[in-house]
């Protein structure tokens, strides 16, 4: 009995089912895979960060670009009159001082008139003497006429010799000449006296215009010497509420300056205040200073509050271009040039839909917005734009479609324009000149094809709209192009963009880029 009882627990124990080890092993496997996935994620992310950190980048952003030309000049009154001394004499009275406001005709100085008063008295006496001589000549003429008449009558009766008649006639002619001489002497003395009277009037110096006395170069008691050159006694500015600045603009920049452009300037007296003006005139008289050619540009300035004074030095900036809300990139991105290996990996900046071509299709809607199109004009524009895009797509898909001159929506065929600007080198060798010639011909052909494709749309525009359209399209077609290197997946990717206005720090760009794209500005670790 006891043996049976002792064996029963072992039998029950042996009949219990054992637990399977597979769930535990599966959990371990899942944990291992999860850890491996997390490790791979961090590893790949680290590699991507390391690849990205090999380049210094900047972002394409949207903003304004203001292109200016800097120059300096001096403020001056628009009209300044010099009051000169026309006669010589001693200054006995000076009635105007610096900064005095004077009116036209106001007496501002007097010269001693005694000399000219004496000359007038002397002239009057000479006129009286000449009149007396005239009376004597008239009496002599009457006597000569009577004598000639008597002798001529006696000569008819042959009572006197013919020679006596001739002598009488000569005396008559002489008396007439003396009479004419006496009349001329009177006129001469009257004219001389009139000159003295004018000089007497000039002893009183009057203001020629309404204005402000800028300078005074005479004092009471000084002698005015006007024998060789008329001395300047006063300088009067007509109206200081309107002033001007004459700027010297370099010949390289003068082509961008036009009448009506806005000008901002500062003066040393008010360094924290900006004043405004406008280009009034671009003068054609060039100045050569040490082989540097400059042209004078006149800027009109409103000085209603009178804080600006003549002679102040103005540090001016002429706003030649202003682009609002455009895509822009720092100039460092346009200056970046990768080495040969990096350039090969990035891809050559050639044509194709993602390279040089396809940019005009993105810019034309912006131009259309400026025209404020009517519904009919909008339909015609959309149709022409869609047709252009279809032709571009067909040409790009065709074998060798990006090898020759592109369609009207593209750009110059694989030619990157050099020259002055943030992205160009501007060499002068024969190769660069040949490239420029080919590029100019390609642009001309492209502009002709473009005008044909949008001819129906253009015919619906008004004259003002046509002017704006032609100007914008010409600027787009002839725009300079330069390569940028976008950072895609940690690697640079080459893309050619159109380069527009530049203010020295930022440059307008358009093409296969968008706001927020990162572009390479340099290599090496550093902050983006």
Foldseek 3Di string as FASTA:
>chain_A
DVVVVVCVVVVVVVVDDDDDCVVVVVVVVVVVVVVVVVVVVVVVVVVLVVLQLQFAWDFWAWWKFFAWDWWKWFKDFPDKDFFWQQDKAAWAFAQDDAFDWFAAFAFGTFGDLPVLVVQLVVLVVQLVVLVVQLVVLVVQLVVLVVLLVVVVVCVVVPNDDPVSNVVSVVSNVVSVVSNVVSVVSNVVSVVSSVVSVVVSVSRGGGDRHGFTWHDADDDHGDIADPPPHTGGGTMGRHDPQKMKTKTWAFPVCLVLDDWFFKKWKDFPVCRPDIFIWTFHDWDPDWDADVNTITTIIMTMGGNNVVPDDGGTMITMITGSDMGGTFTKDWLLQLVDDDDPVQDVVQDPQFDAQQAQFDFQLVCVVVLVVVQPDDPVLVVLVVVLSVVQVVVQVVLRPDVCSLQDQGALRGAQGRQAQACDDSNHDRDDDPVNVVSVVSSVVSLVVSVVRSCVSSVVSLVPGDPVSNVSVVVVSSCVHPFGKTWWWWQDSSGTHIHIWGWDDHRNTMIGTTHNDDGGTMTGSGGDRDHD
